[in-house]
Amino acid sequence: MESKTRQRQVLMVEDTVSVAALYKSYLNPLGVAVTVVGSGAEALAFVKDTIPDLILLDLRLPDMTGIEVLEAVKRDYGDVPVVIMTAHGSIDVAVEAMRHGAKDFLIKPCEADRLRVTVNNALKEEEQKEQGSSSKQGGAQYQGFIGNSLPMQAVYRVIESAASSKATVFITGESGTGKEVCAEAVHAASPRNDKPFVALNCAAIPKELIESELFGHVKGAFTGASTERQGAVELAHQGTLFLDELCEMDLDLQSKLLRFIQTGTYQKVGASKTNTVDVRFVCATNRNPWQEVQEGRFREDLYYRLHVIPVSLPPLRERGDDVLEIAHALLALMSLEEGKNFSRFSPEVLTLFKQYHWQGNVRELQNVIRNIVVLNNGEEVTLPMVPPPINNGGVKIASSTGVVSESVLDEPQVQQTTAQQAVVSQPVFSQMVDKSQVEPLWVVEKRAIQAAIDACDGNIPRAAGLLEVSPSTIYRKLQTWQEAQG
């Protein structure tokens, strides 16, 4: 009983006196005893004398590194929870510290609520351990994300730290890693969560229309503009504007976007007056934005204006057991949607999922689970139910007779097979070909593009993904062919 009521002891290792005093004042409402020391040696001496309930450890100390202090604490007093405190630029080091046994990390400067919540959660977890409780704080879900791997914990902490600010968040990551989910998480954790979240995919809109989509237009601004239209910036007033695939934006529009970010004012297409709105920007790209700057496709001044708080989403193959947690969640959801009884995976399937490289990341996993649930019945997902390429190491696009393999990965893969078969089956690729059968390359290209678009039910961005080109490339070619016909 005494252990429940005694005052909890927190050791704060922070060499900047003013920062330590501020953070100590933040913790006053929790009723914990906070001792502040300014060096690693003092910290280790204190722990040797009095084992605290929690250590708040700055990574930068005058006499030794925070990692060295952490290693010493874990070696000699392994049960003491340690929360790392670090600046934005040291997030990778903080993740490394968690690999060495740190419980959590905070990004400095740290707000009072964030510090209190982190300390409170850490102390509660230790209390539950002491009482033998098996419950788990926080679970494996966070604002739409599933999984609690170290790389994702780093992402969660950045979101929590950045959410309350108006600073622009710039999300990078491979296709399918959840960039829009991340943007929505930033919005949901921010004070703007009761205001609009507006997403604009810069790659899915022809460059001739994207300015209108972004800023809106007045009636008669161009052919077909029969009514006045609100743009994304106006719809997102007081909320969050998410610009996906930002590096696809035309350079001319980038300059207008920069002016809008700097002044908060914009003009609708065809209008003479300016309007003012208040929006918080979140941007995303699956490219390397700095490389785009160096190669002249993205304005350097816009890059520096938007690249304030970078968030790099890890690919699924680097997220450890997260793939299994996501797979179980998807199986439950899709079984419910499809009226099936699946509830578990066989051990062989779980092993396979952990070993597979998941080039398409979470989106590929979603498609695989959907394929399994739709095409099979039962309670357990077994190895024969898993479609290629996962269970055989490769994909059959088309056989020599032109017959598509019946066992396919998912709907997008069926589409890819159809589109590629349209090209592969043409006489131009045969070794024995008559000259009269040879077609101009643009004709073959047009057939392949049209096959991909048909297979994707008219979804041009998805067709572009299958053909591994930019959507703007397809829009440009379609426009060229249409003008040639006209």
Protein backbone atom coordinates (compact mmCIF):
# COMPACT_ATOMS: atom_id res chain seq x y z
CA MET A 1 0.00 0.00 0.00
CA GLU A 2 2.86 2.32 0.82
CA SER A 3 4.29 2.03 -2.72
CA LYS A 4 1.04 3.37 -4.19
CA THR A 5 0.94 6.49 -2.09
CA ARG A 6 4.60 7.42 -1.85
CA GLN A 7 5.82 10.39 -3.86
CA ARG A 8 7.37 9.42 -7.17
CA GLN A 9 11.00 10.43 -7.73
CA VAL A 10 12.03 11.87 -11.11
CA LEU A 11 15.66 12.62 -11.98
CA MET A 12 16.12 15.28 -14.66
CA VAL A 13 19.56 15.34 -16.30
CA GLU A 14 19.75 18.74 -18.02
CA ASP A 15 22.78 21.06 -18.08
CA THR A 16 20.92 24.26 -19.08
CA VAL A 17 19.67 25.69 -15.79
CA SER A 18 16.86 27.81 -17.27
CA VAL A 19 15.48 24.89 -19.29
CA ALA A 20 15.66 22.57 -16.27
CA ALA A 21 13.81 25.10 -14.10
CA LEU A 22 11.10 25.53 -16.74
CA TYR A 23 10.56 21.78 -17.20
CA LYS A 24 10.55 21.24 -13.44
CA SER A 25 7.76 23.81 -13.12
CA TYR A 26 5.82 21.98 -15.84
CA LEU A 27 5.85 18.83 -13.68
CA ASN A 28 4.60 20.50 -10.48
CA PRO A 29 0.92 19.58 -11.10
CA LEU A 30 1.85 15.86 -11.15
CA GLY A 31 2.98 15.97 -7.52
CA VAL A 32 6.29 14.23 -8.26
CA ALA A 33 9.63 15.00 -6.61
CA VAL A 34 12.01 16.31 -9.28
CA THR A 35 15.78 16.39 -8.75
CA VAL A 36 17.87 18.24 -11.35
CA VAL A 37 21.52 17.45 -12.12
CA GLY A 38 23.67 19.00 -14.84
CA SER A 39 26.12 16.25 -15.84
CA GLY A 40 26.33 12.55 -16.56
CA ALA A 41 28.63 11.92 -13.59
CA GLU A 42 26.19 13.61 -11.21
CA ALA A 43 23.35 11.55 -12.67
CA LEU A 44 25.15 8.23 -12.15
CA ALA A 45 26.16 9.25 -8.62
CA PHE A 46 22.54 10.11 -7.77
CA VAL A 47 21.21 6.81 -9.18
CA LYS A 48 23.81 4.90 -7.17
CA ASP A 49 22.56 6.61 -4.03
CA THR A 50 18.80 6.80 -4.77
CA ILE A 51 17.16 4.78 -7.55
CA PRO A 52 14.54 7.09 -9.13
CA ASP A 53 11.19 6.05 -10.62
CA LEU A 54 12.01 7.82 -13.89
CA ILE A 55 14.99 9.55 -15.52
CA LEU A 56 14.55 12.44 -17.97
CA LEU A 57 17.86 12.45 -19.85
CA ASP A 58 19.20 15.13 -22.16
CA LEU A 59 21.35 13.68 -24.94
CA ARG A 60 23.89 16.51 -24.83
CA LEU A 61 25.80 16.77 -21.57
CA PRO A 62 29.09 18.56 -20.76
CA ASP A 63 31.05 15.51 -19.60
CA MET A 64 29.62 12.53 -21.50
CA THR A 65 26.91 11.65 -23.98
CA GLY A 66 23.37 10.80 -22.98
CA ILE A 67 23.81 7.39 -24.66
CA GLU A 68 26.74 6.62 -22.32
CA VAL A 69 24.62 7.53 -19.29
CA LEU A 70 21.76 5.40 -20.64
CA GLU A 71 24.04 2.39 -21.18
CA ALA A 72 25.43 2.69 -17.64
CA VAL A 73 21.94 2.95 -16.12
CA LYS A 74 20.63 0.00 -18.11
CA ARG A 75 23.67 -2.08 -17.24
CA ASP A 76 23.49 -1.51 -13.50
CA TYR A 77 19.82 -0.59 -12.90
CA GLY A 78 18.00 -2.14 -15.84
CA ASP A 79 14.45 -1.56 -14.56
CA VAL A 80 14.69 2.22 -14.28
CA PRO A 81 12.70 3.81 -17.15
CA VAL A 82 14.57 6.49 -19.12
CA VAL A 83 12.96 9.13 -21.35
CA ILE A 84 15.38 10.85 -23.74
CA MET A 85 15.11 14.61 -24.38
CA THR A 86 16.48 15.74 -27.74
CA ALA A 87 16.32 18.52 -30.32
CA HIS A 88 14.69 18.06 -33.74
CA GLY A 89 17.97 17.39 -35.50
CA SER A 90 18.84 14.49 -33.20
CA ILE A 91 15.77 12.30 -33.75
CA ASP A 92 17.85 9.51 -35.29
CA VAL A 93 20.03 9.49 -32.18
CA ALA A 94 16.90 9.31 -30.02
CA VAL A 95 15.68 6.27 -31.95
CA GLU A 96 19.10 4.72 -31.43
CA ALA A 97 18.74 5.46 -27.71
CA MET A 98 15.47 3.55 -27.67
CA ARG A 99 17.29 0.60 -29.16
CA HIS A 100 19.61 0.84 -26.15
CA GLY A 101 16.64 0.61 -23.80
CA ALA A 102 15.14 4.10 -23.50
CA LYS A 103 11.38 4.00 -22.93
CA ASP A 104 10.46 7.08 -24.92
CA PHE A 105 11.79 10.40 -26.15
CA LEU A 106 10.69 14.03 -26.15
CA ILE A 107 11.56 16.64 -28.76
CA LYS A 108 12.82 19.95 -27.36
CA PRO A 109 11.57 22.58 -26.94
CA CYS A 110 8.87 20.63 -25.16
CA GLU A 111 5.45 22.01 -24.24
CA ALA A 112 4.06 21.53 -20.74
CA ASP A 113 1.23 19.18 -21.71
CA ARG A 114 3.49 16.96 -23.81
CA LEU A 115 6.03 16.66 -20.98
CA ARG A 116 3.38 15.91 -18.37
CA VAL A 117 1.64 13.28 -20.52
CA THR A 118 4.94 11.50 -21.28
CA VAL A 119 6.07 11.47 -17.65
CA ASN A 120 2.64 10.41 -16.40
CA ASN A 121 2.40 7.54 -18.91
CA ALA A 122 5.90 6.30 -18.08
CA LEU A 123 5.17 6.30 -14.32
CA LYS A 124 1.82 4.57 -14.84
CA GLU A 125 3.42 1.82 -16.90
CA GLU A 126 5.98 1.20 -14.17
CA GLU A 127 3.21 1.12 -11.57
CA GLN A 128 1.31 -1.45 -13.62
CA LYS A 129 4.45 -3.58 -13.90
CA GLU A 130 4.88 -3.45 -10.13
CA GLN A 131 1.27 -4.57 -9.69
CA GLY A 132 1.65 -7.34 -12.25
CA SER A 133 -0.85 -5.77 -14.62
CA SER A 134 -0.76 -6.98 -18.19
CA SER A 135 -2.56 -3.99 -19.66
CA LYS A 136 -0.61 -1.88 -22.11
CA GLN A 137 -0.63 1.88 -22.27
CA GLY A 138 -1.31 3.43 -25.62
CA GLY A 139 -1.74 0.16 -27.52
CA ALA A 140 -0.46 -0.29 -31.05
CA GLN A 141 -2.60 2.38 -32.73
CA TYR A 142 -1.95 6.09 -33.15
CA GLN A 143 -4.15 8.54 -35.07
CA GLY A 144 -4.94 6.10 -37.90
CA PHE A 145 -1.54 4.37 -37.87
CA ILE A 146 -1.17 0.79 -36.67
CA GLY A 147 2.13 -0.41 -35.22
CA ASN A 148 4.51 0.52 -32.45
CA SER A 149 7.93 -0.15 -33.99
CA LEU A 150 10.79 2.20 -33.09
CA PRO A 151 10.81 4.01 -36.46
CA MET A 152 7.07 4.66 -36.12
CA GLN A 153 7.42 5.82 -32.52
CA ALA A 154 9.82 8.45 -33.83
CA VAL A 155 7.17 9.54 -36.35
CA TYR A 156 4.50 9.71 -33.61
CA ARG A 157 6.69 11.92 -31.42
CA VAL A 158 7.38 14.34 -34.26
CA ILE A 159 3.65 14.56 -35.02
CA GLU A 160 2.85 15.22 -31.36
CA SER A 161 5.52 17.90 -31.10
CA ALA A 162 4.63 19.61 -34.37
CA ALA A 163 0.84 19.37 -34.21
CA SER A 164 0.20 22.36 -31.94
CA SER A 165 2.35 24.65 -34.10
CA LYS A 166 1.44 26.25 -37.42
CA ALA A 167 4.82 25.23 -38.84
CA THR A 168 4.68 23.35 -42.14
CA VAL A 169 5.18 19.60 -41.96
CA PHE A 170 6.93 18.03 -44.98
CA ILE A 171 6.30 14.28 -45.27
CA THR A 172 8.49 12.04 -47.39
CA GLY A 173 8.27 8.31 -47.93
CA GLU A 174 7.79 5.61 -50.52
CA SER A 175 4.44 5.16 -52.21
CA GLY A 176 1.99 3.35 -49.95
CA THR A 177 3.66 4.22 -46.61
CA GLY A 178 0.72 6.33 -45.40
CA LYS A 179 1.62 9.95 -46.13
CA GLU A 180 -2.00 11.10 -46.18
CA VAL A 181 -2.66 9.20 -42.94
CA CYS A 182 0.28 11.10 -41.45
CA ALA A 183 -1.11 14.42 -42.67
CA GLU A 184 -4.51 13.61 -41.16
CA ALA A 185 -2.77 12.66 -37.89
CA VAL A 186 -1.05 16.08 -37.76
CA HIS A 187 -4.43 17.74 -38.32
CA ALA A 188 -6.23 15.54 -35.76
CA ALA A 189 -3.62 16.27 -33.08
CA SER A 190 -3.67 20.02 -33.73
CA PRO A 191 -5.93 22.77 -32.34
CA ARG A 192 -7.42 22.94 -35.86
CA ASN A 193 -8.93 19.45 -35.62
CA ASP A 194 -12.50 20.80 -35.64
CA LYS A 195 -11.83 22.76 -38.84
CA PRO A 196 -11.55 21.40 -42.44
CA PHE A 197 -8.82 19.05 -43.64
CA VAL A 198 -8.50 19.51 -47.42
CA ALA A 199 -6.28 17.23 -49.50
CA LEU A 200 -5.09 18.13 -53.01
CA ASN A 201 -3.12 15.62 -55.09
CA CYS A 202 -0.85 17.68 -57.33
CA ALA A 203 -0.05 14.63 -59.51
CA ALA A 204 -3.69 13.73 -60.26
CA ILE A 205 -4.69 17.08 -61.78
CA PRO A 206 -3.57 18.43 -65.19
CA LYS A 207 -1.26 21.42 -64.79
CA GLU A 208 -3.78 23.58 -66.71
CA LEU A 209 -6.38 23.00 -63.96
CA ILE A 210 -4.33 22.79 -60.79
CA GLU A 211 -4.21 26.56 -60.22
CA SER A 212 -8.01 26.63 -60.35
CA GLU A 213 -8.19 23.64 -57.99
CA LEU A 214 -5.81 25.35 -55.58
CA PHE A 215 -7.03 28.95 -55.65
CA GLY A 216 -10.47 28.67 -57.29
CA HIS A 217 -11.81 30.64 -60.25
CA VAL A 218 -14.50 33.21 -61.07
CA LYS A 219 -17.29 32.70 -63.57
CA GLY A 220 -16.03 33.05 -67.14
CA ALA A 221 -12.36 32.81 -66.19
CA PHE A 222 -11.83 30.23 -68.93
CA THR A 223 -13.84 28.03 -71.27
CA GLY A 224 -16.14 25.86 -69.21
CA ALA A 225 -16.00 28.05 -66.07
CA SER A 226 -19.78 28.52 -65.93
CA THR A 227 -19.89 29.23 -62.21
CA GLU A 228 -17.57 30.62 -59.54
CA ARG A 229 -15.59 27.92 -57.75
CA GLN A 230 -13.95 27.78 -54.34
CA GLY A 231 -10.36 26.55 -54.34
CA ALA A 232 -8.68 24.25 -51.85
CA VAL A 233 -7.09 27.17 -49.95
CA GLU A 234 -10.51 28.74 -49.36
CA LEU A 235 -12.11 25.44 -48.35
CA ALA A 236 -9.27 24.86 -45.85
CA HIS A 237 -9.67 28.25 -44.12
CA GLN A 238 -8.66 27.93 -40.43
CA GLY A 239 -7.90 24.26 -41.06
CA THR A 240 -5.18 22.22 -42.76
CA LEU A 241 -4.28 22.08 -46.45
CA PHE A 242 -2.52 18.89 -47.51
CA LEU A 243 -0.57 19.12 -50.78
CA ASP A 244 0.24 15.57 -51.86
CA GLU A 245 2.92 14.80 -54.47
CA LEU A 246 4.01 18.43 -54.25
CA CYS A 247 7.07 17.91 -56.46
CA GLU A 248 4.72 17.31 -59.42
CA MET A 249 3.59 20.95 -59.29
CA ASP A 250 4.50 23.12 -62.28
CA LEU A 251 7.28 25.67 -61.64
CA ASP A 252 5.04 28.64 -62.55
CA LEU A 253 2.46 27.60 -59.98
CA GLN A 254 5.20 27.01 -57.41
CA SER A 255 5.99 30.74 -57.51
CA LYS A 256 2.33 31.61 -56.89
CA LEU A 257 2.19 29.10 -54.05
CA LEU A 258 5.31 30.68 -52.52
CA ARG A 259 3.73 34.12 -52.67
CA PHE A 260 0.57 32.77 -51.03
CA ILE A 261 2.56 31.13 -48.21
CA GLN A 262 4.51 34.34 -47.59
CA THR A 263 1.53 36.71 -47.58
CA GLY A 264 -1.52 34.54 -46.90
CA THR A 265 -3.22 36.25 -49.85
CA TYR A 266 -4.19 34.82 -53.23
CA GLN A 267 -6.21 35.60 -56.34
CA LYS A 268 -8.78 33.33 -57.91
CA VAL A 269 -8.16 32.57 -61.57
CA GLY A 270 -9.71 35.41 -63.58
CA ALA A 271 -10.24 37.64 -60.55
CA SER A 272 -8.69 41.06 -59.88
CA LYS A 273 -9.17 41.24 -56.10
CA THR A 274 -7.10 39.37 -53.54
CA ASN A 275 -8.41 37.20 -50.72
CA THR A 276 -6.86 36.26 -47.40
CA VAL A 277 -7.13 32.91 -45.60
CA ASP A 278 -5.50 31.18 -42.64
CA VAL A 279 -4.30 27.66 -43.43
CA ARG A 280 -1.71 25.28 -42.01
CA PHE A 281 0.31 23.49 -44.70
CA VAL A 282 1.23 19.83 -44.73
CA CYS A 283 3.10 18.62 -47.83
CA ALA A 284 4.16 15.21 -49.07
CA THR A 285 6.18 13.60 -51.84
CA ASN A 286 7.56 10.16 -52.65
CA ARG A 287 10.59 11.79 -54.27
CA ASN A 288 13.72 13.25 -52.72
CA PRO A 289 12.74 16.94 -52.52
CA TRP A 290 16.30 18.26 -52.26
CA GLN A 291 17.30 16.26 -55.33
CA GLU A 292 14.33 17.80 -57.16
CA VAL A 293 15.69 21.23 -56.16
CA GLN A 294 19.19 20.39 -57.42
CA GLU A 295 17.80 19.14 -60.73
CA GLY A 296 15.76 22.32 -61.25
CA ARG A 297 12.28 20.84 -60.91
CA PHE A 298 11.46 22.40 -57.53
CA ARG A 299 12.09 25.96 -56.38
CA GLU A 300 14.77 26.23 -53.72
CA ASP A 301 13.05 29.15 -51.96
CA LEU A 302 9.78 27.16 -51.80
CA TYR A 303 11.69 24.15 -50.46
CA TYR A 304 13.09 26.16 -47.56
CA ARG A 305 9.71 27.73 -46.89
CA LEU A 306 7.93 24.35 -46.68
CA HIS A 307 10.65 22.00 -45.41
CA VAL A 308 10.32 23.18 -41.78
CA ILE A 309 9.45 19.99 -39.89
CA PRO A 310 10.46 16.95 -41.97
CA VAL A 311 8.79 13.59 -41.30
CA SER A 312 10.23 10.54 -43.05
CA LEU A 313 7.85 7.59 -43.09
CA PRO A 314 9.70 4.26 -42.94
CA PRO A 315 8.90 1.57 -45.53
CA LEU A 316 6.92 -1.39 -44.23
CA ARG A 317 9.93 -3.73 -44.56
CA GLU A 318 11.75 -1.66 -41.90
CA ARG A 319 8.90 -1.72 -39.39
CA GLY A 320 9.47 -5.19 -37.89
CA ASP A 321 6.36 -6.78 -36.36
CA ASP A 322 4.17 -3.86 -37.44
CA VAL A 323 3.42 -5.78 -40.65
CA LEU A 324 1.74 -8.52 -38.60
CA GLU A 325 -0.31 -6.06 -36.52
CA ILE A 326 -1.45 -4.26 -39.68
CA ALA A 327 -2.26 -7.58 -41.39
CA HIS A 328 -4.42 -8.73 -38.45
CA ALA A 329 -6.28 -5.41 -38.34
CA LEU A 330 -6.90 -5.50 -42.10
CA LEU A 331 -8.04 -9.13 -41.97
CA ALA A 332 -10.62 -8.32 -39.28
CA LEU A 333 -11.88 -5.25 -41.15
CA MET A 334 -12.09 -6.87 -44.59
CA SER A 335 -13.64 -10.09 -43.27
CA LEU A 336 -16.40 -7.94 -41.75
CA GLU A 337 -16.86 -5.96 -44.97
CA GLU A 338 -16.99 -9.10 -47.15
CA GLY A 339 -19.07 -11.21 -44.74
CA LYS A 340 -16.29 -13.78 -44.27
CA ASN A 341 -15.12 -15.64 -41.14
CA PHE A 342 -11.33 -15.16 -41.32
CA SER A 343 -9.83 -14.46 -37.89
CA ARG A 344 -6.17 -15.57 -38.00
CA PHE A 345 -3.14 -16.40 -40.15
CA SER A 346 -1.24 -19.68 -40.12
CA PRO A 347 2.34 -19.52 -38.70
CA GLU A 348 3.72 -20.08 -42.22
CA VAL A 349 1.84 -17.06 -43.54
CA LEU A 350 3.02 -14.86 -40.68
CA THR A 351 6.63 -15.90 -41.34
CA LEU A 352 6.17 -15.17 -45.04
CA PHE A 353 4.70 -11.72 -44.35
CA LYS A 354 7.66 -10.81 -42.13
CA GLN A 355 10.21 -11.95 -44.73
CA TYR A 356 8.59 -10.36 -47.80
CA HIS A 357 10.02 -7.01 -48.92
CA TRP A 358 6.64 -5.22 -49.45
CA GLN A 359 7.76 -2.94 -52.22
CA GLY A 360 4.26 -1.41 -52.34
CA ASN A 361 4.26 -1.00 -48.55
CA VAL A 362 0.94 -0.86 -46.65
CA ARG A 363 -1.04 -0.36 -49.85
CA GLU A 364 0.35 -3.63 -51.23
CA LEU A 365 -0.48 -5.41 -47.96
CA GLN A 366 -4.05 -4.06 -48.16
CA ASN A 367 -4.43 -5.45 -51.67
CA VAL A 368 -3.03 -8.86 -50.67
CA ILE A 369 -5.40 -9.18 -47.70
CA ARG A 370 -8.36 -8.08 -49.84
CA ASN A 371 -7.43 -10.68 -52.47
CA ILE A 372 -7.25 -13.43 -49.83
CA VAL A 373 -10.55 -12.52 -48.19
CA VAL A 374 -12.51 -12.13 -51.43
CA LEU A 375 -11.28 -15.29 -53.16
CA ASN A 376 -11.21 -17.71 -50.20
CA ASN A 377 -13.28 -18.99 -47.27
CA GLY A 378 -12.44 -20.27 -43.82
CA GLU A 379 -11.24 -19.03 -40.44
CA GLU A 380 -7.47 -19.33 -40.97
CA VAL A 381 -5.47 -17.85 -43.83
CA THR A 382 -3.17 -20.62 -45.09
CA LEU A 383 -0.17 -20.51 -47.41
CA PRO A 384 -1.99 -21.67 -50.60
CA MET A 385 -4.40 -18.73 -50.22
CA VAL A 386 -1.58 -16.16 -50.46
CA PRO A 387 -1.31 -14.88 -54.04
CA PRO A 388 1.92 -14.39 -56.00
CA PRO A 389 4.42 -12.81 -56.04
CA ILE A 390 4.60 -13.26 -52.27
CA ASN A 391 4.43 -17.04 -52.22
CA ASN A 392 6.50 -17.81 -55.31
CA GLY A 393 8.99 -14.97 -55.61
CA GLY A 394 7.77 -13.62 -58.93
CA VAL A 395 4.85 -12.49 -61.07
CA LYS A 396 3.71 -14.09 -64.30
CA ILE A 397 2.66 -11.31 -66.63
CA ALA A 398 1.66 -13.44 -69.57
CA SER A 399 2.58 -16.87 -70.87
CA SER A 400 4.03 -17.50 -74.31
CA THR A 401 0.50 -18.22 -75.54
CA GLY A 402 -0.73 -14.88 -74.29
CA VAL A 403 -2.81 -16.39 -71.48
CA VAL A 404 -2.65 -14.42 -68.26
CA SER A 405 -1.82 -16.37 -65.10
CA GLU A 406 -4.95 -17.10 -63.06
CA SER A 407 -3.17 -16.53 -59.71
CA VAL A 408 -2.60 -12.81 -59.33
CA LEU A 409 -1.53 -10.54 -56.52
CA ASP A 410 -4.49 -8.20 -56.42
CA GLU A 411 -6.67 -6.00 -58.58
CA PRO A 412 -3.85 -3.57 -59.48
CA GLN A 413 -1.69 -6.54 -60.48
CA VAL A 414 -4.49 -7.82 -62.74
CA GLN A 415 -4.53 -4.37 -64.27
CA GLN A 416 -0.78 -4.41 -64.73
CA THR A 417 -0.98 -7.82 -66.40
CA THR A 418 -3.68 -6.59 -68.79
CA ALA A 419 -1.80 -3.44 -69.67
CA GLN A 420 1.54 -5.15 -70.18
CA GLN A 421 0.00 -8.04 -72.09
CA ALA A 422 -1.36 -5.51 -74.56
CA VAL A 423 2.23 -4.56 -75.32
CA VAL A 424 3.87 -7.97 -75.04
CA SER A 425 1.40 -9.62 -77.42
CA GLN A 426 2.08 -7.14 -80.23
CA PRO A 427 3.95 -8.49 -83.31
CA VAL A 428 6.62 -5.79 -82.96
CA PHE A 429 8.11 -7.76 -80.04
CA SER A 430 8.25 -11.05 -81.90
CA GLN A 431 11.55 -12.22 -83.30
CA MET A 432 9.91 -13.37 -86.55
CA VAL A 433 8.04 -10.31 -87.71
CA ASP A 434 6.94 -9.04 -91.07
CA LYS A 435 7.87 -5.44 -91.85
CA SER A 436 4.27 -4.64 -92.73
CA GLN A 437 3.28 -5.57 -89.17
CA VAL A 438 5.63 -3.06 -87.52
CA GLU A 439 3.68 -0.16 -85.99
CA PRO A 440 4.94 3.29 -85.01
CA LEU A 441 6.10 3.42 -81.41
CA TRP A 442 3.46 6.02 -80.47
CA VAL A 443 0.71 3.62 -81.58
CA VAL A 444 2.05 0.83 -79.37
CA GLU A 445 2.50 3.33 -76.54
CA LYS A 446 -1.04 4.61 -76.98
CA ARG A 447 -2.43 1.07 -76.89
CA ALA A 448 -0.51 0.27 -73.69
CA ILE A 449 -1.66 3.48 -72.00
CA GLN A 450 -5.28 2.94 -73.04
CA ALA A 451 -5.16 -0.67 -71.80
CA ALA A 452 -3.86 0.50 -68.42
CA ILE A 453 -6.54 3.22 -68.17
CA ASP A 454 -9.29 0.72 -69.10
CA ALA A 455 -7.96 -1.79 -66.58
CA CYS A 456 -8.06 0.93 -63.89
CA ASP A 457 -11.63 1.97 -64.75
CA GLY A 458 -10.46 5.36 -66.00
CA ASN A 459 -8.28 6.17 -62.96
CA ILE A 460 -5.31 7.86 -64.64
CA PRO A 461 -3.06 8.24 -61.53
CA ARG A 462 -3.42 4.53 -60.82
CA ALA A 463 -2.75 3.66 -64.47
CA ALA A 464 0.36 5.87 -64.32
CA GLY A 465 1.52 3.93 -61.28
CA LEU A 466 1.19 0.63 -63.14
CA LEU A 467 3.08 2.00 -66.13
CA GLU A 468 5.70 3.57 -63.80
CA VAL A 469 5.34 7.07 -65.26
CA SER A 470 4.07 10.36 -63.88
CA PRO A 471 0.30 11.02 -64.26
CA SER A 472 1.21 14.30 -65.96
CA THR A 473 2.97 12.27 -68.68
CA ILE A 474 -0.24 10.40 -69.44
CA TYR A 475 -2.33 13.59 -69.39
CA ARG A 476 0.13 15.24 -71.78
CA LYS A 477 0.10 12.30 -74.23
CA LEU A 478 -3.70 12.04 -74.15
CA GLN A 479 -3.94 15.74 -74.91
CA THR A 480 -1.44 15.40 -77.79
CA TRP A 481 -3.38 12.50 -79.33
CA GLN A 482 -6.69 14.33 -78.91
CA GLU A 483 -5.29 17.44 -80.65
CA ALA A 484 -3.92 15.25 -83.47
CA GLN A 485 -7.38 13.73 -83.99
CA GLY A 486 -9.03 17.15 -83.84
